[in-house]
């Protein structure tokens, strides 16, 4: 059995995590530190974990801007914030 390390459930490099809800669906979008100079923005639909997306950035500002754009798009589409970590 293969074990997959999910970057959103591994707290070591986690910087930010927001969970969005629309009706009975949840989606998590977060930022993790990936390597010495990298940051990953992870978007994970809970109903289709294989459909998760990981985008890598070379600096924290770019990762934060991408997270903000994703959050704005989700909220504009009717998603609400169910929970978050600062």
PDB file of N, CA and C in Angstrom:
ATOM      1  N   UNK A   1       0.843  -1.182   0.000  1.00  0.00           N
ATOM      2  CA  UNK A   1       0.000   0.000   0.000  1.00  0.00           C
ATOM      3  C   UNK A   1       0.886   1.241   0.000  1.00  0.00           C
ATOM      4  N   UNK A   2       0.638   2.143  -0.916  1.00  0.00           N
ATOM      5  CA  UNK A   2       1.434   3.357  -1.049  1.00  0.00           C
ATOM      6  C   UNK A   2       0.921   4.438  -0.106  1.00  0.00           C
ATOM      7  N   UNK A   3       1.825   5.091   0.592  1.00  0.00           N
ATOM      8  CA  UNK A   3       1.461   6.196   1.472  1.00  0.00           C
ATOM      9  C   UNK A   3       1.815   7.499   0.776  1.00  0.00           C
ATOM     10  N   UNK A   4       0.855   8.401   0.700  1.00  0.00           N
ATOM     11  CA  UNK A   4       1.073   9.696   0.069  1.00  0.00           C
ATOM     12  C   UNK A   4       1.050  10.759   1.151  1.00  0.00           C
ATOM     13  N   UNK A   5       2.084  11.577   1.194  1.00  0.00           N
ATOM     14  CA  UNK A   5       2.168  12.657   2.171  1.00  0.00           C
ATOM     15  C   UNK A   5       1.399  13.852   1.628  1.00  0.00           C
ATOM     16  N   UNK A   6       0.277  14.169   2.230  1.00  0.00           N
ATOM     17  CA  UNK A   6      -0.547  15.298   1.807  1.00  0.00           C
ATOM     18  C   UNK A   6       0.017  16.568   2.433  1.00  0.00           C
ATOM     19  N   UNK A   7       0.462  17.549   1.614  1.00  0.00           N
ATOM     20  CA  UNK A   7       1.062  18.755   2.178  1.00  0.00           C
ATOM     21  C   UNK A   7       0.101  19.587   3.020  1.00  0.00           C
ATOM     22  N   UNK A   8      -1.205  19.434   2.847  1.00  0.00           N
ATOM     23  CA  UNK A   8      -2.145  20.215   3.640  1.00  0.00           C
ATOM     24  C   UNK A   8      -2.419  19.596   5.009  1.00  0.00           C
ATOM     25  N   UNK A   9      -2.131  18.309   5.153  1.00  0.00           N
ATOM     26  CA  UNK A   9      -2.338  17.698   6.467  1.00  0.00           C
ATOM     27  C   UNK A   9      -1.035  17.577   7.236  1.00  0.00           C
ATOM     28  N   UNK A  10       0.084  17.821   6.573  1.00  0.00           N
ATOM     29  CA  UNK A  10       1.381  17.831   7.235  1.00  0.00           C
ATOM     30  C   UNK A  10       1.664  19.250   7.713  1.00  0.00           C
ATOM     31  N   UNK A  11       1.658  19.464   9.002  1.00  0.00           N
ATOM     32  CA  UNK A  11       1.741  20.803   9.583  1.00  0.00           C
ATOM     33  C   UNK A  11       3.140  21.421   9.557  1.00  0.00           C
ATOM     34  N   UNK A  12       4.173  20.642   9.299  1.00  0.00           N
ATOM     35  CA  UNK A  12       5.537  21.150   9.431  1.00  0.00           C
ATOM     36  C   UNK A  12       5.777  22.405   8.591  1.00  0.00           C
ATOM     37  N   UNK A  13       5.378  22.406   7.326  1.00  0.00           N
ATOM     38  CA  UNK A  13       5.636  23.554   6.464  1.00  0.00           C
ATOM     39  C   UNK A  13       4.417  24.417   6.214  1.00  0.00           C
ATOM     40  N   UNK A  14       3.319  24.110   6.878  1.00  0.00           N
ATOM     41  CA  UNK A  14       2.072  24.835   6.624  1.00  0.00           C
ATOM     42  C   UNK A  14       2.179  26.279   7.103  1.00  0.00           C
ATOM     43  N   UNK A  15       1.758  27.200   6.250  1.00  0.00           N
ATOM     44  CA  UNK A  15       1.770  28.613   6.602  1.00  0.00           C
ATOM     45  C   UNK A  15       0.359  29.175   6.710  1.00  0.00           C
ATOM     46  N   UNK A  16      -0.518  28.691   5.845  1.00  0.00           N
ATOM     47  CA  UNK A  16      -1.854  29.265   5.742  1.00  0.00           C
ATOM     48  C   UNK A  16      -2.778  28.203   5.162  1.00  0.00           C
ATOM     49  N   UNK A  17      -3.998  28.107   5.707  1.00  0.00           N
ATOM     50  CA  UNK A  17      -4.953  27.134   5.171  1.00  0.00           C
ATOM     51  C   UNK A  17      -6.356  27.673   5.352  1.00  0.00           C
ATOM     52  N   UNK A  18      -7.091  27.775   4.264  1.00  0.00           N
ATOM     53  CA  UNK A  18      -8.498  28.187   4.297  1.00  0.00           C
ATOM     54  C   UNK A  18      -9.336  27.050   3.743  1.00  0.00           C
ATOM     55  N   UNK A  19     -10.452  26.780   4.415  1.00  0.00           N
ATOM     56  CA  UNK A  19     -11.391  25.774   3.927  1.00  0.00           C
ATOM     57  C   UNK A  19     -12.663  26.497   3.492  1.00  0.00           C
ATOM     58  N   UNK A  20     -13.093  26.205   2.284  1.00  0.00           N
ATOM     59  CA  UNK A  20     -14.281  26.824   1.708  1.00  0.00           C
ATOM     60  C   UNK A  20     -15.404  25.804   1.641  1.00  0.00           C
ATOM     61  N   UNK A  21     -16.638  26.279   1.730  1.00  0.00           N
ATOM     62  CA  UNK A  21     -17.815  25.412   1.664  1.00  0.00           C
ATOM     63  C   UNK A  21     -18.826  25.990   0.677  1.00  0.00           C
ATOM     64  N   UNK A  22     -19.387  25.087  -0.114  1.00  0.00           N
ATOM     65  CA  UNK A  22     -20.548  25.421  -0.940  1.00  0.00           C
ATOM     66  C   UNK A  22     -21.484  24.223  -0.869  1.00  0.00           C
ATOM     67  N   UNK A  23     -22.668  24.458  -0.301  1.00  0.00           N
ATOM     68  CA  UNK A  23     -23.623  23.383  -0.039  1.00  0.00           C
ATOM     69  C   UNK A  23     -22.928  22.254   0.728  1.00  0.00           C
ATOM     70  N   UNK A  24     -22.855  21.067   0.172  1.00  0.00           N
ATOM     71  CA  UNK A  24     -22.250  19.945   0.902  1.00  0.00           C
ATOM     72  C   UNK A  24     -20.818  19.648   0.444  1.00  0.00           C
ATOM     73  N   UNK A  25     -20.195  20.607  -0.242  1.00  0.00           N
ATOM     74  CA  UNK A  25     -18.836  20.391  -0.732  1.00  0.00           C
ATOM     75  C   UNK A  25     -17.840  21.270   0.011  1.00  0.00           C
ATOM     76  N   UNK A  26     -16.648  20.701   0.243  1.00  0.00           N
ATOM     77  CA  UNK A  26     -15.554  21.431   0.871  1.00  0.00           C
ATOM     78  C   UNK A  26     -14.358  21.461  -0.062  1.00  0.00           C
ATOM     79  N   UNK A  27     -13.621  22.556   0.005  1.00  0.00           N
ATOM     80  CA  UNK A  27     -12.412  22.729  -0.786  1.00  0.00           C
ATOM     81  C   UNK A  27     -11.398  23.445   0.102  1.00  0.00           C
ATOM     82  N   UNK A  28     -10.176  22.959   0.128  1.00  0.00           N
ATOM     83  CA  UNK A  28      -9.135  23.582   0.930  1.00  0.00           C
ATOM     84  C   UNK A  28      -8.114  24.231   0.011  1.00  0.00           C
ATOM     85  N   UNK A  29      -7.702  25.440   0.372  1.00  0.00           N
ATOM     86  CA  UNK A  29      -6.654  26.149  -0.351  1.00  0.00           C
ATOM     87  C   UNK A  29      -5.646  26.617   0.688  1.00  0.00           C
ATOM     88  N   UNK A  30      -4.395  26.266   0.504  1.00  0.00           N
ATOM     89  CA  UNK A  30      -3.397  26.623   1.493  1.00  0.00           C
ATOM     90  C   UNK A  30      -2.034  26.881   0.889  1.00  0.00           C
ATOM     91  N   UNK A  31      -1.153  27.398   1.723  1.00  0.00           N
ATOM     92  CA  UNK A  31       0.227  27.660   1.322  1.00  0.00           C
ATOM     93  C   UNK A  31       1.138  26.899   2.268  1.00  0.00           C
ATOM     94  N   UNK A  32       2.123  26.202   1.693  1.00  0.00           N
ATOM     95  CA  UNK A  32       3.130  25.519   2.489  1.00  0.00           C
ATOM     96  C   UNK A  32       4.518  25.937   2.014  1.00  0.00           C
ATOM     97  N   UNK A  33       5.468  25.858   2.909  1.00  0.00           N
ATOM     98  CA  UNK A  33       6.863  26.092   2.557  1.00  0.00           C
ATOM     99  C   UNK A  33       7.357  24.817   1.915  1.00  0.00           C
ATOM    100  N   UNK A  34       7.943  24.930   0.737  1.00  0.00           N
ATOM    101  CA  UNK A  34       8.432  23.740   0.035  1.00  0.00           C
ATOM    102  C   UNK A  34       9.893  23.955  -0.348  1.00  0.00           C
ATOM    103  N   UNK A  35      10.766  23.431   0.454  1.00  0.00           N
ATOM    104  CA  UNK A  35      12.192  23.602   0.205  1.00  0.00           C
ATOM    105  C   UNK A  35      12.695  24.918   0.775  1.00  0.00           C
ATOM    106  N   UNK A  36      13.977  25.184   0.599  1.00  0.00           N
ATOM    107  CA  UNK A  36      14.572  26.377   1.203  1.00  0.00           C
ATOM    108  C   UNK A  36      14.066  27.690   0.612  1.00  0.00           C
ATOM    109  N   UNK A  37      13.706  27.704  -0.665  1.00  0.00           N
ATOM    110  CA  UNK A  37      13.288  28.950  -1.310  1.00  0.00           C
ATOM    111  C   UNK A  37      11.974  28.820  -2.063  1.00  0.00           C
ATOM    112  N   UNK A  38      11.165  27.849  -1.716  1.00  0.00           N
ATOM    113  CA  UNK A  38       9.942  27.627  -2.463  1.00  0.00           C
ATOM    114  C   UNK A  38       8.701  27.654  -1.595  1.00  0.00           C
ATOM    115  N   UNK A  39       7.595  27.978  -2.231  1.00  0.00           N
ATOM    116  CA  UNK A  39       6.296  28.005  -1.569  1.00  0.00           C
ATOM    117  C   UNK A  39       5.291  27.354  -2.511  1.00  0.00           C
ATOM    118  N   UNK A  40       4.430  26.514  -1.964  1.00  0.00           N
ATOM    119  CA  UNK A  40       3.419  25.833  -2.760  1.00  0.00           C
ATOM    120  C   UNK A  40       2.030  26.312  -2.366  1.00  0.00           C
ATOM    121  N   UNK A  41       1.212  26.585  -3.369  1.00  0.00           N
ATOM    122  CA  UNK A  41      -0.202  26.872  -3.158  1.00  0.00           C
ATOM    123  C   UNK A  41      -0.941  25.608  -3.566  1.00  0.00           C
ATOM    124  N   UNK A  42      -1.657  25.026  -2.612  1.00  0.00           N
ATOM    125  CA  UNK A  42      -2.350  23.765  -2.839  1.00  0.00           C
ATOM    126  C   UNK A  42      -3.852  24.013  -2.808  1.00  0.00           C
ATOM    127  N   UNK A  43      -4.534  23.567  -3.852  1.00  0.00           N
ATOM    128  CA  UNK A  43      -5.989  23.644  -3.916  1.00  0.00           C
ATOM    129  C   UNK A  43      -6.498  22.212  -3.970  1.00  0.00           C
ATOM    130  N   UNK A  44      -7.309  21.838  -2.974  1.00  0.00           N
ATOM    131  CA  UNK A  44      -7.726  20.450  -2.835  1.00  0.00           C
ATOM    132  C   UNK A  44      -9.236  20.341  -2.662  1.00  0.00           C
ATOM    133  N   UNK A  45      -9.951  19.896  -3.712  1.00  0.00           N
ATOM    134  CA  UNK A  45     -11.385  19.642  -3.544  1.00  0.00           C
ATOM    135  C   UNK A  45     -11.572  18.327  -2.782  1.00  0.00           C
ATOM    136  N   UNK A  46     -12.279  18.364  -1.673  1.00  0.00           N
ATOM    137  CA  UNK A  46     -12.415  17.185  -0.817  1.00  0.00           C
ATOM    138  C   UNK A  46     -13.198  16.061  -1.483  1.00  0.00           C
ATOM    139  N   UNK A  47     -14.058  16.371  -2.428  1.00  0.00           N
ATOM    140  CA  UNK A  47     -14.854  15.341  -3.112  1.00  0.00           C
ATOM    141  C   UNK A  47     -14.057  14.691  -4.241  1.00  0.00           C
ATOM    142  N   UNK A  48     -12.888  15.253  -4.584  1.00  0.00           N
ATOM    143  CA  UNK A  48     -12.057  14.711  -5.662  1.00  0.00           C
ATOM    144  C   UNK A  48     -10.595  14.995  -5.344  1.00  0.00           C
ATOM    145  N   UNK A  49     -10.047  14.305  -4.352  1.00  0.00           N
ATOM    146  CA  UNK A  49      -8.681  14.608  -3.908  1.00  0.00           C
ATOM    147  C   UNK A  49      -7.646  14.386  -5.009  1.00  0.00           C
ATOM    148  N   UNK A  50      -7.955  13.517  -5.961  1.00  0.00           N
ATOM    149  CA  UNK A  50      -7.030  13.320  -7.086  1.00  0.00           C
ATOM    150  C   UNK A  50      -7.021  14.540  -8.005  1.00  0.00           C
ATOM    151  N   UNK A  51      -8.025  15.397  -7.879  1.00  0.00           N
ATOM    152  CA  UNK A  51      -8.107  16.609  -8.689  1.00  0.00           C
ATOM    153  C   UNK A  51      -7.406  17.799  -8.048  1.00  0.00           C
ATOM    154  N   UNK A  52      -6.648  17.561  -6.977  1.00  0.00           N
ATOM    155  CA  UNK A  52      -5.926  18.638  -6.310  1.00  0.00           C
ATOM    156  C   UNK A  52      -4.856  19.236  -7.215  1.00  0.00           C
ATOM    157  N   UNK A  53      -4.562  20.505  -6.979  1.00  0.00           N
ATOM    158  CA  UNK A  53      -3.572  21.222  -7.778  1.00  0.00           C
ATOM    159  C   UNK A  53      -2.514  21.795  -6.852  1.00  0.00           C
ATOM    160  N   UNK A  54      -1.246  21.652  -7.242  1.00  0.00           N
ATOM    161  CA  UNK A  54      -0.136  22.243  -6.506  1.00  0.00           C
ATOM    162  C   UNK A  54       0.592  23.184  -7.458  1.00  0.00           C
ATOM    163  N   UNK A  55       0.699  24.450  -7.050  1.00  0.00           N
ATOM    164  CA  UNK A  55       1.430  25.445  -7.826  1.00  0.00           C
ATOM    165  C   UNK A  55       2.616  25.903  -6.986  1.00  0.00           C
ATOM    166  N   UNK A  56       3.808  25.949  -7.575  1.00  0.00           N
ATOM    167  CA  UNK A  56       5.020  26.298  -6.840  1.00  0.00           C
ATOM    168  C   UNK A  56       5.490  27.697  -7.228  1.00  0.00           C
ATOM    169  N   UNK A  57       5.915  28.453  -6.217  1.00  0.00           N
ATOM    170  CA  UNK A  57       6.382  29.825  -6.417  1.00  0.00           C
ATOM    171  C   UNK A  57       7.741  29.991  -5.744  1.00  0.00           C
ATOM    172  N   UNK A  58       8.532  30.927  -6.255  1.00  0.00           N
ATOM    173  CA  UNK A  58       9.880  31.152  -5.723  1.00  0.00           C
ATOM    174  C   UNK A  58       9.914  32.127  -4.556  1.00  0.00           C
ATOM    175  N   UNK A  59       8.804  32.828  -4.309  1.00  0.00           N
ATOM    176  CA  UNK A  59       8.795  33.737  -3.164  1.00  0.00           C
ATOM    177  C   UNK A  59       7.418  33.743  -2.513  1.00  0.00           C
ATOM    178  N   UNK A  60       7.427  34.135  -1.254  1.00  0.00           N
ATOM    179  CA  UNK A  60       6.219  34.109  -0.447  1.00  0.00           C
ATOM    180  C   UNK A  60       5.159  35.079  -0.970  1.00  0.00           C
ATOM    181  N   UNK A  61       5.576  36.253  -1.425  1.00  0.00           N
ATOM    182  CA  UNK A  61       4.624  37.251  -1.911  1.00  0.00           C
ATOM    183  C   UNK A  61       3.814  36.720  -3.087  1.00  0.00           C
ATOM    184  N   UNK A  62       4.464  36.050  -4.015  1.00  0.00           N
ATOM    185  CA  UNK A  62       3.755  35.494  -5.178  1.00  0.00           C
ATOM    186  C   UNK A  62       2.769  34.418  -4.754  1.00  0.00           C
ATOM    187  N   UNK A  63       3.163  33.579  -3.797  1.00  0.00           N
ATOM    188  CA  UNK A  63       2.259  32.533  -3.304  1.00  0.00           C
ATOM    189  C   UNK A  63       1.048  33.152  -2.603  1.00  0.00           C
ATOM    190  N   UNK A  64       1.276  34.186  -1.806  1.00  0.00           N
ATOM    191  CA  UNK A  64       0.164  34.860  -1.124  1.00  0.00           C
ATOM    192  C   UNK A  64      -0.775  35.534  -2.116  1.00  0.00           C
ATOM    193  N   UNK A  65      -0.216  36.146  -3.160  1.00  0.00           N
ATOM    194  CA  UNK A  65      -1.054  36.776  -4.184  1.00  0.00           C
ATOM    195  C   UNK A  65      -1.901  35.738  -4.905  1.00  0.00           C
ATOM    196  N   UNK A  66      -1.315  34.589  -5.215  1.00  0.00           N
ATOM    197  CA  UNK A  66      -2.072  33.527  -5.892  1.00  0.00           C
ATOM    198  C   UNK A  66      -3.181  33.004  -4.988  1.00  0.00           C
ATOM    199  N   UNK A  67      -2.876  32.794  -3.715  1.00  0.00           N
ATOM    200  CA  UNK A  67      -3.899  32.334  -2.772  1.00  0.00           C
ATOM    201  C   UNK A  67      -5.045  33.342  -2.713  1.00  0.00           C
ATOM    202  N   UNK A  68      -4.719  34.623  -2.679  1.00  0.00           N
ATOM    203  CA  UNK A  68      -5.745  35.672  -2.629  1.00  0.00           C
ATOM    204  C   UNK A  68      -6.620  35.656  -3.883  1.00  0.00           C
ATOM    205  N   UNK A  69      -6.006  35.436  -5.050  1.00  0.00           N
ATOM    206  CA  UNK A  69      -6.789  35.372  -6.299  1.00  0.00           C
ATOM    207  C   UNK A  69      -7.734  34.169  -6.289  1.00  0.00           C
ATOM    208  N   UNK A  70      -7.239  33.029  -5.832  1.00  0.00           N
ATOM    209  CA  UNK A  70      -8.087  31.829  -5.759  1.00  0.00           C
ATOM    210  C   UNK A  70      -9.246  32.075  -4.797  1.00  0.00           C
ATOM    211  N   UNK A  71      -8.949  32.632  -3.622  1.00  0.00           N
ATOM    212  CA  UNK A  71     -10.001  32.912  -2.632  1.00  0.00           C
ATOM    213  C   UNK A  71     -11.041  33.863  -3.204  1.00  0.00           C
ATOM    214  N   UNK A  72     -10.595  34.884  -3.912  1.00  0.00           N
ATOM    215  CA  UNK A  72     -11.527  35.846  -4.515  1.00  0.00           C
ATOM    216  C   UNK A  72     -12.423  35.171  -5.558  1.00  0.00           C
ATOM    217  N   UNK A  73     -11.833  34.324  -6.378  1.00  0.00           N
ATOM    218  CA  UNK A  73     -12.614  33.613  -7.398  1.00  0.00           C
ATOM    219  C   UNK A  73     -13.636  32.682  -6.755  1.00  0.00           C
ATOM    220  N   UNK A  74     -13.236  31.977  -5.711  1.00  0.00           N
ATOM    221  CA  UNK A  74     -14.162  31.067  -5.038  1.00  0.00           C
ATOM    222  C   UNK A  74     -15.313  31.833  -4.397  1.00  0.00           C
ATOM    223  N   UNK A  75     -15.004  32.908  -3.700  1.00  0.00           N
ATOM    224  CA  UNK A  75     -16.057  33.697  -3.043  1.00  0.00           C
ATOM    225  C   UNK A  75     -16.991  34.319  -4.079  1.00  0.00           C
ATOM    226  N   UNK A  76     -16.454  34.759  -5.213  1.00  0.00           N
ATOM    227  CA  UNK A  76     -17.293  35.317  -6.283  1.00  0.00           C
ATOM    228  C   UNK A  76     -18.216  34.257  -6.876  1.00  0.00           C
ATOM    229  N   UNK A  77     -17.777  33.004  -6.820  1.00  0.00           N
ATOM    230  CA  UNK A  77     -18.575  31.892  -7.347  1.00  0.00           C
ATOM    231  C   UNK A  77     -19.576  31.350  -6.334  1.00  0.00           C
ATOM    232  N   UNK A  78     -19.616  31.947  -5.122  1.00  0.00           N
ATOM    233  CA  UNK A  78     -20.605  31.536  -4.140  1.00  0.00           C
ATOM    234  C   UNK A  78     -20.086  30.695  -2.988  1.00  0.00           C
ATOM    235  N   UNK A  79     -18.780  30.407  -2.958  1.00  0.00           N
ATOM    236  CA  UNK A  79     -18.187  29.656  -1.860  1.00  0.00           C
ATOM    237  C   UNK A  79     -18.063  30.575  -0.653  1.00  0.00           C
ATOM    238  N   UNK A  80     -18.191  30.007   0.549  1.00  0.00           N
ATOM    239  CA  UNK A  80     -17.982  30.782   1.775  1.00  0.00           C
ATOM    240  C   UNK A  80     -16.821  30.137   2.551  1.00  0.00           C
ATOM    241  N   UNK A  81     -16.195  30.924   3.408  1.00  0.00           N
ATOM    242  CA  UNK A  81     -15.085  30.421   4.218  1.00  0.00           C
ATOM    243  C   UNK A  81     -15.671  29.659   5.406  1.00  0.00           C
ATOM    244  N   UNK A  82     -15.303  28.367   5.490  1.00  0.00           N
ATOM    245  CA  UNK A  82     -15.790  27.515   6.582  1.00  0.00           C
ATOM    246  C   UNK A  82     -14.825  27.548   7.761  1.00  0.00           C
ATOM    247  N   UNK A  83     -13.526  27.623   7.489  1.00  0.00           N
ATOM    248  CA  UNK A  83     -12.524  27.706   8.550  1.00  0.00           C
ATOM    249  C   UNK A  83     -11.218  28.176   7.936  1.00  0.00           C
ATOM    250  N   UNK A  84     -10.318  28.639   8.817  1.00  0.00           N
ATOM    251  CA  UNK A  84      -9.020  29.094   8.337  1.00  0.00           C
ATOM    252  C   UNK A  84      -7.999  29.030   9.462  1.00  0.00           C
ATOM    253  N   UNK A  85      -6.737  29.002   9.074  1.00  0.00           N
ATOM    254  CA  UNK A  85      -5.651  29.137  10.029  1.00  0.00           C
ATOM    255  C   UNK A  85      -4.893  30.398   9.644  1.00  0.00           C
ATOM    256  N   UNK A  86      -4.474  31.190  10.624  1.00  0.00           N
ATOM    257  CA  UNK A  86      -3.729  32.420  10.314  1.00  0.00           C
ATOM    258  C   UNK A  86      -2.319  32.128   9.844  1.00  0.00           C
TER     259      UNK A  86
END
